[in-house]
């Protein structure tokens, strides 16, 4: 049959995801949480410049809500988040060094956002 095969099985908050990424890379980067209004006011493109971020507006309601209960019922299982993050890091390390991500904030825009946020 046809299934929605997404994960994780239980809701995952962005903070948990980011902390898992930090643990996988042994990174002590300072996290700065900016609210939707601030990002929108500074014209950050949702899901383009900040992958996995969508404002909590009516326009985006339900975007990440995908019912995969039928697939779970029929045996879909999920690997631990840390395994996925570590595999993604391994993949990234094997990519050619000249490759750039297309969906991300530029370093210049990120610095301007942080500087303005910190005031």
PDB file of N, CA and C in Angstrom:
ATOM      1  N   UNK A   1       0.808  -1.188   0.000  1.00  0.00           N
ATOM      2  CA  UNK A   1       0.000   0.000   0.000  1.00  0.00           C
ATOM      3  C   UNK A   1       0.853   1.255   0.000  1.00  0.00           C
ATOM      4  N   UNK A   2       0.178   2.365   0.080  1.00  0.00           N
ATOM      5  CA  UNK A   2       0.834   3.672   0.103  1.00  0.00           C
ATOM      6  C   UNK A   2       0.920   4.135   1.551  1.00  0.00           C
ATOM      7  N   UNK A   3       2.100   4.578   1.952  1.00  0.00           N
ATOM      8  CA  UNK A   3       2.334   5.012   3.321  1.00  0.00           C
ATOM      9  C   UNK A   3       3.014   6.371   3.356  1.00  0.00           C
ATOM     10  N   UNK A   4       2.742   7.111   4.426  1.00  0.00           N
ATOM     11  CA  UNK A   4       3.569   8.253   4.784  1.00  0.00           C
ATOM     12  C   UNK A   4       4.634   7.682   5.708  1.00  0.00           C
ATOM     13  N   UNK A   5       5.872   7.730   5.292  1.00  0.00           N
ATOM     14  CA  UNK A   5       6.968   7.160   6.086  1.00  0.00           C
ATOM     15  C   UNK A   5       7.882   8.292   6.535  1.00  0.00           C
ATOM     16  N   UNK A   6       7.465   8.973   7.575  1.00  0.00           N
ATOM     17  CA  UNK A   6       8.237  10.080   8.102  1.00  0.00           C
ATOM     18  C   UNK A   6       8.610   9.780   9.544  1.00  0.00           C
ATOM     19  N   UNK A   7       9.403  10.605  10.097  1.00  0.00           N
ATOM     20  CA  UNK A   7       9.763  10.415  11.491  1.00  0.00           C
ATOM     21  C   UNK A   7      10.089  11.756  12.094  1.00  0.00           C
ATOM     22  N   UNK A   8      10.354  11.776  13.324  1.00  0.00           N
ATOM     23  CA  UNK A   8      10.446  10.644  14.233  1.00  0.00           C
ATOM     24  C   UNK A   8       9.069  10.151  14.662  1.00  0.00           C
ATOM     25  N   UNK A   9       9.058   9.059  15.399  1.00  0.00           N
ATOM     26  CA  UNK A   9       7.788   8.490  15.843  1.00  0.00           C
ATOM     27  C   UNK A   9       7.076   9.432  16.805  1.00  0.00           C
ATOM     28  N   UNK A  10       7.847  10.100  17.667  1.00  0.00           N
ATOM     29  CA  UNK A  10       7.279  11.054  18.627  1.00  0.00           C
ATOM     30  C   UNK A  10       7.681  12.465  18.233  1.00  0.00           C
ATOM     31  N   UNK A  11       6.889  13.452  18.600  1.00  0.00           N
ATOM     32  CA  UNK A  11       7.229  14.835  18.236  1.00  0.00           C
ATOM     33  C   UNK A  11       8.640  15.201  18.696  1.00  0.00           C
ATOM     34  N   UNK A  12       9.340  15.935  17.849  1.00  0.00           N
ATOM     35  CA  UNK A  12      10.707  16.359  18.131  1.00  0.00           C
ATOM     36  C   UNK A  12      10.748  17.881  18.141  1.00  0.00           C
ATOM     37  N   UNK A  13      11.203  18.431  19.239  1.00  0.00           N
ATOM     38  CA  UNK A  13      11.330  19.880  19.353  1.00  0.00           C
ATOM     39  C   UNK A  13      12.676  20.309  18.770  1.00  0.00           C
ATOM     40  N   UNK A  14      12.714  21.521  18.216  1.00  0.00           N
ATOM     41  CA  UNK A  14      13.931  22.025  17.590  1.00  0.00           C
ATOM     42  C   UNK A  14      15.102  22.022  18.573  1.00  0.00           C
ATOM     43  N   UNK A  15      14.854  22.378  19.829  1.00  0.00           N
ATOM     44  CA  UNK A  15      15.931  22.396  20.816  1.00  0.00           C
ATOM     45  C   UNK A  15      16.591  21.035  20.973  1.00  0.00           C
ATOM     46  N   UNK A  16      15.782  19.984  21.035  1.00  0.00           N
ATOM     47  CA  UNK A  16      16.322  18.626  21.157  1.00  0.00           C
ATOM     48  C   UNK A  16      17.139  18.263  19.920  1.00  0.00           C
ATOM     49  N   UNK A  17      16.626  18.639  18.757  1.00  0.00           N
ATOM     50  CA  UNK A  17      17.338  18.367  17.509  1.00  0.00           C
ATOM     51  C   UNK A  17      18.704  19.064  17.495  1.00  0.00           C
ATOM     52  N   UNK A  18      18.715  20.351  17.838  1.00  0.00           N
ATOM     53  CA  UNK A  18      19.965  21.122  17.829  1.00  0.00           C
ATOM     54  C   UNK A  18      20.947  20.571  18.868  1.00  0.00           C
ATOM     55  N   UNK A  19      20.455  20.251  20.055  1.00  0.00           N
ATOM     56  CA  UNK A  19      21.341  19.704  21.089  1.00  0.00           C
ATOM     57  C   UNK A  19      21.931  18.361  20.659  1.00  0.00           C
ATOM     58  N   UNK A  20      21.163  17.551  19.954  1.00  0.00           N
ATOM     59  CA  UNK A  20      21.678  16.283  19.441  1.00  0.00           C
ATOM     60  C   UNK A  20      22.770  16.544  18.406  1.00  0.00           C
ATOM     61  N   UNK A  21      22.561  17.540  17.557  1.00  0.00           N
ATOM     62  CA  UNK A  21      23.583  17.904  16.568  1.00  0.00           C
ATOM     63  C   UNK A  21      24.859  18.377  17.258  1.00  0.00           C
ATOM     64  N   UNK A  22      24.698  19.210  18.278  1.00  0.00           N
ATOM     65  CA  UNK A  22      25.873  19.692  19.022  1.00  0.00           C
ATOM     66  C   UNK A  22      26.622  18.535  19.668  1.00  0.00           C
ATOM     67  N   UNK A  23      25.909  17.588  20.232  1.00  0.00           N
ATOM     68  CA  UNK A  23      26.537  16.427  20.867  1.00  0.00           C
ATOM     69  C   UNK A  23      27.292  15.587  19.839  1.00  0.00           C
ATOM     70  N   UNK A  24      26.706  15.412  18.675  1.00  0.00           N
ATOM     71  CA  UNK A  24      27.337  14.590  17.639  1.00  0.00           C
ATOM     72  C   UNK A  24      28.637  15.210  17.147  1.00  0.00           C
ATOM     73  N   UNK A  25      28.712  16.524  17.135  1.00  0.00           N
ATOM     74  CA  UNK A  25      29.939  17.182  16.648  1.00  0.00           C
ATOM     75  C   UNK A  25      30.827  17.676  17.758  1.00  0.00           C
ATOM     76  N   UNK A  26      30.453  17.414  18.988  1.00  0.00           N
ATOM     77  CA  UNK A  26      31.211  17.935  20.126  1.00  0.00           C
ATOM     78  C   UNK A  26      31.425  19.441  19.967  1.00  0.00           C
ATOM     79  N   UNK A  27      30.339  20.137  19.668  1.00  0.00           N
ATOM     80  CA  UNK A  27      30.403  21.563  19.378  1.00  0.00           C
ATOM     81  C   UNK A  27      29.833  22.349  20.544  1.00  0.00           C
ATOM     82  N   UNK A  28      30.490  23.430  20.897  1.00  0.00           N
ATOM     83  CA  UNK A  28      30.005  24.259  21.995  1.00  0.00           C
ATOM     84  C   UNK A  28      29.536  25.626  21.494  1.00  0.00           C
ATOM     85  N   UNK A  29      29.037  25.655  20.272  1.00  0.00           N
ATOM     86  CA  UNK A  29      28.550  26.906  19.695  1.00  0.00           C
ATOM     87  C   UNK A  29      27.466  27.520  20.580  1.00  0.00           C
ATOM     88  N   UNK A  30      27.466  28.835  20.642  1.00  0.00           N
ATOM     89  CA  UNK A  30      26.427  29.544  21.396  1.00  0.00           C
ATOM     90  C   UNK A  30      25.150  29.541  20.570  1.00  0.00           C
ATOM     91  N   UNK A  31      24.064  29.067  21.161  1.00  0.00           N
ATOM     92  CA  UNK A  31      22.780  29.081  20.479  1.00  0.00           C
ATOM     93  C   UNK A  31      22.053  30.375  20.812  1.00  0.00           C
ATOM     94  N   UNK A  32      21.475  30.985  19.801  1.00  0.00           N
ATOM     95  CA  UNK A  32      20.711  32.209  19.984  1.00  0.00           C
ATOM     96  C   UNK A  32      19.333  31.965  19.375  1.00  0.00           C
ATOM     97  N   UNK A  33      18.312  31.977  20.224  1.00  0.00           N
ATOM     98  CA  UNK A  33      16.945  31.730  19.773  1.00  0.00           C
ATOM     99  C   UNK A  33      16.282  33.062  19.455  1.00  0.00           C
ATOM    100  N   UNK A  34      15.861  33.228  18.212  1.00  0.00           N
ATOM    101  CA  UNK A  34      15.181  34.445  17.767  1.00  0.00           C
ATOM    102  C   UNK A  34      13.736  34.092  17.462  1.00  0.00           C
ATOM    103  N   UNK A  35      12.822  35.011  17.791  1.00  0.00           N
ATOM    104  CA  UNK A  35      11.415  34.697  17.570  1.00  0.00           C
ATOM    105  C   UNK A  35      11.006  34.945  16.117  1.00  0.00           C
ATOM    106  N   UNK A  36       9.853  34.386  15.779  1.00  0.00           N
ATOM    107  CA  UNK A  36       9.336  34.471  14.412  1.00  0.00           C
ATOM    108  C   UNK A  36       9.214  35.913  13.931  1.00  0.00           C
ATOM    109  N   UNK A  37       8.694  36.787  14.778  1.00  0.00           N
ATOM    110  CA  UNK A  37       8.486  38.179  14.367  1.00  0.00           C
ATOM    111  C   UNK A  37       9.803  38.858  14.009  1.00  0.00           C
ATOM    112  N   UNK A  38      10.835  38.599  14.809  1.00  0.00           N
ATOM    113  CA  UNK A  38      12.145  39.193  14.550  1.00  0.00           C
ATOM    114  C   UNK A  38      12.692  38.701  13.205  1.00  0.00           C
ATOM    115  N   UNK A  39      12.624  37.377  12.991  1.00  0.00           N
ATOM    116  CA  UNK A  39      13.139  36.815  11.741  1.00  0.00           C
ATOM    117  C   UNK A  39      12.354  37.337  10.536  1.00  0.00           C
ATOM    118  N   UNK A  40      11.044  37.418  10.670  1.00  0.00           N
ATOM    119  CA  UNK A  40      10.217  37.938   9.571  1.00  0.00           C
ATOM    120  C   UNK A  40      10.528  39.412   9.300  1.00  0.00           C
ATOM    121  N   UNK A  41      10.694  40.187  10.365  1.00  0.00           N
ATOM    122  CA  UNK A  41      11.004  41.615  10.208  1.00  0.00           C
ATOM    123  C   UNK A  41      12.344  41.822   9.507  1.00  0.00           C
ATOM    124  N   UNK A  42      13.237  40.852   9.647  1.00  0.00           N
ATOM    125  CA  UNK A  42      14.544  40.950   8.998  1.00  0.00           C
ATOM    126  C   UNK A  42      14.604  40.145   7.698  1.00  0.00           C
ATOM    127  N   UNK A  43      13.433  39.810   7.191  1.00  0.00           N
ATOM    128  CA  UNK A  43      13.271  39.162   5.885  1.00  0.00           C
ATOM    129  C   UNK A  43      14.072  37.869   5.736  1.00  0.00           C
ATOM    130  N   UNK A  44      14.033  37.057   6.783  1.00  0.00           N
ATOM    131  CA  UNK A  44      14.624  35.723   6.692  1.00  0.00           C
ATOM    132  C   UNK A  44      13.599  34.832   5.998  1.00  0.00           C
ATOM    133  N   UNK A  45      14.016  34.155   4.958  1.00  0.00           N
ATOM    134  CA  UNK A  45      13.102  33.320   4.175  1.00  0.00           C
ATOM    135  C   UNK A  45      12.869  31.988   4.888  1.00  0.00           C
ATOM    136  N   UNK A  46      11.620  31.739   5.346  1.00  0.00           N
ATOM    137  CA  UNK A  46      11.320  30.479   6.029  1.00  0.00           C
ATOM    138  C   UNK A  46      11.639  29.274   5.143  1.00  0.00           C
ATOM    139  N   UNK A  47      12.237  28.284   5.745  1.00  0.00           N
ATOM    140  CA  UNK A  47      12.567  26.998   5.135  1.00  0.00           C
ATOM    141  C   UNK A  47      13.623  27.110   4.031  1.00  0.00           C
ATOM    142  N   UNK A  48      14.009  28.319   3.671  1.00  0.00           N
ATOM    143  CA  UNK A  48      15.036  28.508   2.645  1.00  0.00           C
ATOM    144  C   UNK A  48      16.339  28.938   3.307  1.00  0.00           C
ATOM    145  N   UNK A  49      16.298  30.067   4.001  1.00  0.00           N
ATOM    146  CA  UNK A  49      17.502  30.536   4.669  1.00  0.00           C
ATOM    147  C   UNK A  49      17.708  29.843   6.017  1.00  0.00           C
ATOM    148  N   UNK A  50      16.634  29.400   6.623  1.00  0.00           N
ATOM    149  CA  UNK A  50      16.721  28.623   7.866  1.00  0.00           C
ATOM    150  C   UNK A  50      15.946  27.322   7.658  1.00  0.00           C
ATOM    151  N   UNK A  51      16.626  26.302   7.119  1.00  0.00           N
ATOM    152  CA  UNK A  51      15.935  25.033   6.901  1.00  0.00           C
ATOM    153  C   UNK A  51      15.312  24.512   8.196  1.00  0.00           C
ATOM    154  N   UNK A  52      14.151  23.935   8.076  1.00  0.00           N
ATOM    155  CA  UNK A  52      13.354  23.376   9.167  1.00  0.00           C
ATOM    156  C   UNK A  52      12.645  24.424  10.008  1.00  0.00           C
ATOM    157  N   UNK A  53      12.804  25.726   9.700  1.00  0.00           N
ATOM    158  CA  UNK A  53      12.078  26.760  10.437  1.00  0.00           C
ATOM    159  C   UNK A  53      10.927  27.269   9.581  1.00  0.00           C
ATOM    160  N   UNK A  54       9.760  27.248  10.175  1.00  0.00           N
ATOM    161  CA  UNK A  54       8.582  27.888   9.599  1.00  0.00           C
ATOM    162  C   UNK A  54       7.928  28.694  10.703  1.00  0.00           C
ATOM    163  N   UNK A  55       7.498  29.918  10.391  1.00  0.00           N
ATOM    164  CA  UNK A  55       6.801  30.707  11.417  1.00  0.00           C
ATOM    165  C   UNK A  55       5.549  29.974  11.882  1.00  0.00           C
ATOM    166  N   UNK A  56       5.143  30.237  13.105  1.00  0.00           N
ATOM    167  CA  UNK A  56       3.939  29.597  13.640  1.00  0.00           C
ATOM    168  C   UNK A  56       2.704  30.393  13.243  1.00  0.00           C
ATOM    169  N   UNK A  57       2.571  30.666  11.962  1.00  0.00           N
ATOM    170  CA  UNK A  57       1.434  31.423  11.450  1.00  0.00           C
ATOM    171  C   UNK A  57       0.440  30.464  10.793  1.00  0.00           C
ATOM    172  N   UNK A  58      -0.734  30.984  10.539  1.00  0.00           N
ATOM    173  CA  UNK A  58      -1.776  30.170   9.908  1.00  0.00           C
ATOM    174  C   UNK A  58      -1.336  29.669   8.533  1.00  0.00           C
ATOM    175  N   UNK A  59      -0.500  30.451   7.849  1.00  0.00           N
ATOM    176  CA  UNK A  59      -0.032  30.056   6.516  1.00  0.00           C
ATOM    177  C   UNK A  59       0.743  28.740   6.530  1.00  0.00           C
ATOM    178  N   UNK A  60       1.382  28.436   7.650  1.00  0.00           N
ATOM    179  CA  UNK A  60       2.236  27.259   7.725  1.00  0.00           C
ATOM    180  C   UNK A  60       1.686  26.170   8.643  1.00  0.00           C
ATOM    181  N   UNK A  61       0.517  26.404   9.217  1.00  0.00           N
ATOM    182  CA  UNK A  61      -0.061  25.449  10.165  1.00  0.00           C
ATOM    183  C   UNK A  61      -0.194  24.069   9.526  1.00  0.00           C
ATOM    184  N   UNK A  62       0.292  23.066  10.234  1.00  0.00           N
ATOM    185  CA  UNK A  62       0.147  21.689   9.780  1.00  0.00           C
ATOM    186  C   UNK A  62       1.195  21.222   8.794  1.00  0.00           C
ATOM    187  N   UNK A  63       2.131  22.086   8.413  1.00  0.00           N
ATOM    188  CA  UNK A  63       3.125  21.721   7.401  1.00  0.00           C
ATOM    189  C   UNK A  63       3.909  20.472   7.793  1.00  0.00           C
ATOM    190  N   UNK A  64       4.287  20.381   9.054  1.00  0.00           N
ATOM    191  CA  UNK A  64       5.081  19.245   9.513  1.00  0.00           C
ATOM    192  C   UNK A  64       4.220  18.123  10.093  1.00  0.00           C
ATOM    193  N   UNK A  65       2.909  18.275  10.085  1.00  0.00           N
ATOM    194  CA  UNK A  65       2.019  17.270  10.661  1.00  0.00           C
ATOM    195  C   UNK A  65       1.655  16.230   9.608  1.00  0.00           C
ATOM    196  N   UNK A  66       2.380  15.144   9.612  1.00  0.00           N
ATOM    197  CA  UNK A  66       2.142  14.074   8.649  1.00  0.00           C
ATOM    198  C   UNK A  66       1.819  12.812   9.441  1.00  0.00           C
ATOM    199  N   UNK A  67       0.684  12.236   9.145  1.00  0.00           N
ATOM    200  CA  UNK A  67       0.235  11.051   9.869  1.00  0.00           C
ATOM    201  C   UNK A  67       0.894   9.808   9.281  1.00  0.00           C
ATOM    202  N   UNK A  68       1.802   9.225  10.047  1.00  0.00           N
ATOM    203  CA  UNK A  68       2.463   8.006   9.587  1.00  0.00           C
ATOM    204  C   UNK A  68       2.041   6.799  10.438  1.00  0.00           C
ATOM    205  N   UNK A  69       0.892   6.932  11.105  1.00  0.00           N
ATOM    206  CA  UNK A  69       0.443   5.860  11.997  1.00  0.00           C
ATOM    207  C   UNK A  69       0.194   4.548  11.256  1.00  0.00           C
ATOM    208  N   UNK A  70      -0.267   4.599  10.024  1.00  0.00           N
ATOM    209  CA  UNK A  70      -0.501   3.373   9.259  1.00  0.00           C
ATOM    210  C   UNK A  70       0.830   2.650   9.008  1.00  0.00           C
ATOM    211  N   UNK A  71       1.866   3.405   8.656  1.00  0.00           N
ATOM    212  CA  UNK A  71       3.177   2.797   8.427  1.00  0.00           C
ATOM    213  C   UNK A  71       3.730   2.216   9.725  1.00  0.00           C
ATOM    214  N   UNK A  72       3.545   2.917  10.833  1.00  0.00           N
ATOM    215  CA  UNK A  72       4.008   2.416  12.136  1.00  0.00           C
ATOM    216  C   UNK A  72       3.250   1.139  12.493  1.00  0.00           C
ATOM    217  N   UNK A  73       1.952   1.177  12.287  1.00  0.00           N
ATOM    218  CA  UNK A  73       1.136  -0.009  12.572  1.00  0.00           C
ATOM    219  C   UNK A  73       1.626  -1.222  11.793  1.00  0.00           C
ATOM    220  N   UNK A  74       2.089  -0.975  10.562  1.00  0.00           N
ATOM    221  CA  UNK A  74       2.522  -2.084   9.715  1.00  0.00           C
ATOM    222  C   UNK A  74       4.025  -2.359   9.798  1.00  0.00           C
ATOM    223  N   UNK A  75       4.708  -1.766  10.788  1.00  0.00           N
ATOM    224  CA  UNK A  75       6.083  -2.164  11.050  1.00  0.00           C
ATOM    225  C   UNK A  75       7.173  -1.125  10.854  1.00  0.00           C
ATOM    226  N   UNK A  76       6.838   0.085  10.444  1.00  0.00           N
ATOM    227  CA  UNK A  76       7.868   1.117  10.291  1.00  0.00           C
ATOM    228  C   UNK A  76       8.556   1.353  11.627  1.00  0.00           C
ATOM    229  N   UNK A  77       9.863   1.337  11.621  1.00  0.00           N
ATOM    230  CA  UNK A  77      10.643   1.644  12.812  1.00  0.00           C
ATOM    231  C   UNK A  77      11.572   2.811  12.503  1.00  0.00           C
ATOM    232  N   UNK A  78      12.122   3.401  13.543  1.00  0.00           N
ATOM    233  CA  UNK A  78      12.948   4.588  13.385  1.00  0.00           C
ATOM    234  C   UNK A  78      14.298   4.377  14.045  1.00  0.00           C
ATOM    235  N   UNK A  79      15.341   4.852  13.401  1.00  0.00           N
ATOM    236  CA  UNK A  79      16.661   4.799  14.010  1.00  0.00           C
ATOM    237  C   UNK A  79      16.773   5.953  14.989  1.00  0.00           C
ATOM    238  N   UNK A  80      17.641   5.857  15.966  1.00  0.00           N
ATOM    239  CA  UNK A  80      17.811   6.957  16.917  1.00  0.00           C
ATOM    240  C   UNK A  80      18.285   8.235  16.207  1.00  0.00           C
ATOM    241  N   UNK A  81      17.824   9.365  16.690  1.00  0.00           N
ATOM    242  CA  UNK A  81      18.177  10.648  16.093  1.00  0.00           C
ATOM    243  C   UNK A  81      19.691  10.822  16.012  1.00  0.00           C
ATOM    244  N   UNK A  82      20.409  10.461  17.068  1.00  0.00           N
ATOM    245  CA  UNK A  82      21.861  10.615  17.062  1.00  0.00           C
ATOM    246  C   UNK A  82      22.490   9.836  15.910  1.00  0.00           C
ATOM    247  N   UNK A  83      21.985   8.645  15.604  1.00  0.00           N
ATOM    248  CA  UNK A  83      22.506   7.863  14.472  1.00  0.00           C
ATOM    249  C   UNK A  83      22.313   8.612  13.159  1.00  0.00           C
ATOM    250  N   UNK A  84      21.143   9.210  12.991  1.00  0.00           N
ATOM    251  CA  UNK A  84      20.861   9.958  11.767  1.00  0.00           C
ATOM    252  C   UNK A  84      21.780  11.161  11.646  1.00  0.00           C
ATOM    253  N   UNK A  85      21.961  11.887  12.730  1.00  0.00           N
ATOM    254  CA  UNK A  85      22.830  13.066  12.716  1.00  0.00           C
ATOM    255  C   UNK A  85      24.267  12.653  12.408  1.00  0.00           C
ATOM    256  N   UNK A  86      24.745  11.602  13.048  1.00  0.00           N
ATOM    257  CA  UNK A  86      26.117  11.145  12.803  1.00  0.00           C
ATOM    258  C   UNK A  86      26.305  10.688  11.358  1.00  0.00           C
ATOM    259  N   UNK A  87      25.314  10.008  10.789  1.00  0.00           N
ATOM    260  CA  UNK A  87      25.398   9.577   9.386  1.00  0.00           C
ATOM    261  C   UNK A  87      25.395  10.787   8.451  1.00  0.00           C
ATOM    262  N   UNK A  88      24.623  11.799   8.799  1.00  0.00           N
ATOM    263  CA  UNK A  88      24.589  13.014   7.978  1.00  0.00           C
ATOM    264  C   UNK A  88      25.927  13.744   8.045  1.00  0.00           C
ATOM    265  N   UNK A  89      26.531  13.807   9.218  1.00  0.00           N
ATOM    266  CA  UNK A  89      27.860  14.416   9.353  1.00  0.00           C
ATOM    267  C   UNK A  89      28.893  13.660   8.522  1.00  0.00           C
ATOM    268  N   UNK A  90      28.830  12.346   8.558  1.00  0.00           N
ATOM    269  CA  UNK A  90      29.760  11.535   7.764  1.00  0.00           C
ATOM    270  C   UNK A  90      29.582  11.829   6.280  1.00  0.00           C
ATOM    271  N   UNK A  91      28.322  11.891   5.827  1.00  0.00           N
ATOM    272  CA  UNK A  91      28.039  12.222   4.433  1.00  0.00           C
ATOM    273  C   UNK A  91      28.605  13.601   4.090  1.00  0.00           C
ATOM    274  N   UNK A  92      28.405  14.574   4.978  1.00  0.00           N
ATOM    275  CA  UNK A  92      28.875  15.927   4.723  1.00  0.00           C
ATOM    276  C   UNK A  92      30.404  15.975   4.630  1.00  0.00           C
ATOM    277  N   UNK A  93      31.073  15.245   5.477  1.00  0.00           N
ATOM    278  CA  UNK A  93      32.550  15.237   5.469  1.00  0.00           C
ATOM    279  C   UNK A  93      33.108  14.613   4.193  1.00  0.00           C
ATOM    280  N   UNK A  94      32.318  13.766   3.546  1.00  0.00           N
ATOM    281  CA  UNK A  94      32.777  13.103   2.322  1.00  0.00           C
ATOM    282  C   UNK A  94      32.448  13.892   1.050  1.00  0.00           C
ATOM    283  N   UNK A  95      31.666  14.963   1.202  1.00  0.00           N
ATOM    284  CA  UNK A  95      31.321  15.778   0.031  1.00  0.00           C
ATOM    285  C   UNK A  95      32.546  16.572  -0.426  1.00  0.00           C
ATOM    286  N   UNK A  96      32.592  16.937  -1.700  1.00  0.00           N
ATOM    287  CA  UNK A  96      33.685  17.812  -2.151  1.00  0.00           C
ATOM    288  C   UNK A  96      33.668  19.121  -1.353  1.00  0.00           C
ATOM    289  N   UNK A  97      34.835  19.601  -0.980  1.00  0.00           N
ATOM    290  CA  UNK A  97      34.948  20.783  -0.139  1.00  0.00           C
ATOM    291  C   UNK A  97      34.436  22.059  -0.805  1.00  0.00           C
ATOM    292  N   UNK A  98      34.396  22.080  -2.120  1.00  0.00           N
ATOM    293  CA  UNK A  98      33.940  23.288  -2.814  1.00  0.00           C
ATOM    294  C   UNK A  98      32.411  23.375  -2.904  1.00  0.00           C
ATOM    295  N   UNK A  99      31.707  22.353  -2.439  1.00  0.00           N
ATOM    296  CA  UNK A  99      30.248  22.347  -2.490  1.00  0.00           C
ATOM    297  C   UNK A  99      29.693  23.297  -1.438  1.00  0.00           C
ATOM    298  N   UNK A 100      28.676  24.057  -1.796  1.00  0.00           N
ATOM    299  CA  UNK A 100      28.040  24.941  -0.825  1.00  0.00           C
ATOM    300  C   UNK A 100      26.564  24.578  -0.705  1.00  0.00           C
ATOM    301  N   UNK A 101      26.008  24.877   0.446  1.00  0.00           N
ATOM    302  CA  UNK A 101      24.584  24.652   0.647  1.00  0.00           C
ATOM    303  C   UNK A 101      23.807  25.771  -0.022  1.00  0.00           C
ATOM    304  N   UNK A 102      22.716  25.445  -0.665  1.00  0.00           N
ATOM    305  CA  UNK A 102      21.894  26.454  -1.322  1.00  0.00           C
ATOM    306  C   UNK A 102      20.862  27.042  -0.377  1.00  0.00           C
ATOM    307  N   UNK A 103      20.460  26.287   0.619  1.00  0.00           N
ATOM    308  CA  UNK A 103      19.435  26.750   1.554  1.00  0.00           C
ATOM    309  C   UNK A 103      20.070  27.039   2.901  1.00  0.00           C
ATOM    310  N   UNK A 104      20.524  28.252   3.056  1.00  0.00           N
ATOM    311  CA  UNK A 104      21.119  28.658   4.318  1.00  0.00           C
ATOM    312  C   UNK A 104      21.297  30.176   4.329  1.00  0.00           C
ATOM    313  N   UNK A 105      21.424  30.706   5.514  1.00  0.00           N
ATOM    314  CA  UNK A 105      21.748  32.120   5.638  1.00  0.00           C
ATOM    315  C   UNK A 105      23.186  32.349   5.199  1.00  0.00           C
ATOM    316  N   UNK A 106      23.434  33.472   4.558  1.00  0.00           N
ATOM    317  CA  UNK A 106      24.824  33.823   4.285  1.00  0.00           C
ATOM    318  C   UNK A 106      25.473  34.187   5.617  1.00  0.00           C
ATOM    319  N   UNK A 107      26.767  34.052   5.690  1.00  0.00           N
ATOM    320  CA  UNK A 107      27.493  34.403   6.903  1.00  0.00           C
ATOM    321  C   UNK A 107      27.272  35.872   7.246  1.00  0.00           C
ATOM    322  N   UNK A 108      27.239  36.714   6.229  1.00  0.00           N
ATOM    323  CA  UNK A 108      27.031  38.147   6.427  1.00  0.00           C
ATOM    324  C   UNK A 108      25.662  38.435   7.037  1.00  0.00           C
ATOM    325  N   UNK A 109      24.620  37.795   6.498  1.00  0.00           N
ATOM    326  CA  UNK A 109      23.273  38.025   7.019  1.00  0.00           C
ATOM    327  C   UNK A 109      23.133  37.460   8.428  1.00  0.00           C
ATOM    328  N   UNK A 110      23.714  36.301   8.677  1.00  0.00           N
ATOM    329  CA  UNK A 110      23.656  35.714  10.018  1.00  0.00           C
ATOM    330  C   UNK A 110      24.312  36.653  11.039  1.00  0.00           C
ATOM    331  N   UNK A 111      25.476  37.181  10.696  1.00  0.00           N
ATOM    332  CA  UNK A 111      26.169  38.093  11.616  1.00  0.00           C
ATOM    333  C   UNK A 111      25.344  39.347  11.865  1.00  0.00           C
ATOM    334  N   UNK A 112      24.732  39.892  10.822  1.00  0.00           N
ATOM    335  CA  UNK A 112      23.900  41.089  10.979  1.00  0.00           C
ATOM    336  C   UNK A 112      22.696  40.803  11.880  1.00  0.00           C
ATOM    337  N   UNK A 113      22.067  39.645  11.707  1.00  0.00           N
ATOM    338  CA  UNK A 113      20.927  39.261  12.549  1.00  0.00           C
ATOM    339  C   UNK A 113      21.326  39.145  14.012  1.00  0.00           C
ATOM    340  N   UNK A 114      22.451  38.475  14.255  1.00  0.00           N
ATOM    341  CA  UNK A 114      22.920  38.280  15.632  1.00  0.00           C
ATOM    342  C   UNK A 114      23.307  39.623  16.254  1.00  0.00           C
ATOM    343  N   UNK A 115      24.041  40.435  15.510  1.00  0.00           N
ATOM    344  CA  UNK A 115      24.457  41.734  16.037  1.00  0.00           C
ATOM    345  C   UNK A 115      23.247  42.603  16.394  1.00  0.00           C
ATOM    346  N   UNK A 116      22.255  42.627  15.529  1.00  0.00           N
ATOM    347  CA  UNK A 116      21.051  43.421  15.789  1.00  0.00           C
ATOM    348  C   UNK A 116      20.270  42.847  16.974  1.00  0.00           C
ATOM    349  N   UNK A 117      20.189  41.514  17.070  1.00  0.00           N
ATOM    350  CA  UNK A 117      19.474  40.859  18.166  1.00  0.00           C
ATOM    351  C   UNK A 117      20.109  41.188  19.505  1.00  0.00           C
ATOM    352  N   UNK A 118      21.426  41.154  19.531  1.00  0.00           N
ATOM    353  CA  UNK A 118      22.145  41.432  20.781  1.00  0.00           C
ATOM    354  C   UNK A 118      22.146  42.928  21.126  1.00  0.00           C
ATOM    355  N   UNK A 119      21.798  43.736  20.112  1.00  0.00           N
ATOM    356  CA  UNK A 119      21.630  45.166  20.337  1.00  0.00           C
ATOM    357  C   UNK A 119      22.907  45.912  20.479  1.00  0.00           C
TER     358      UNK A 119
END
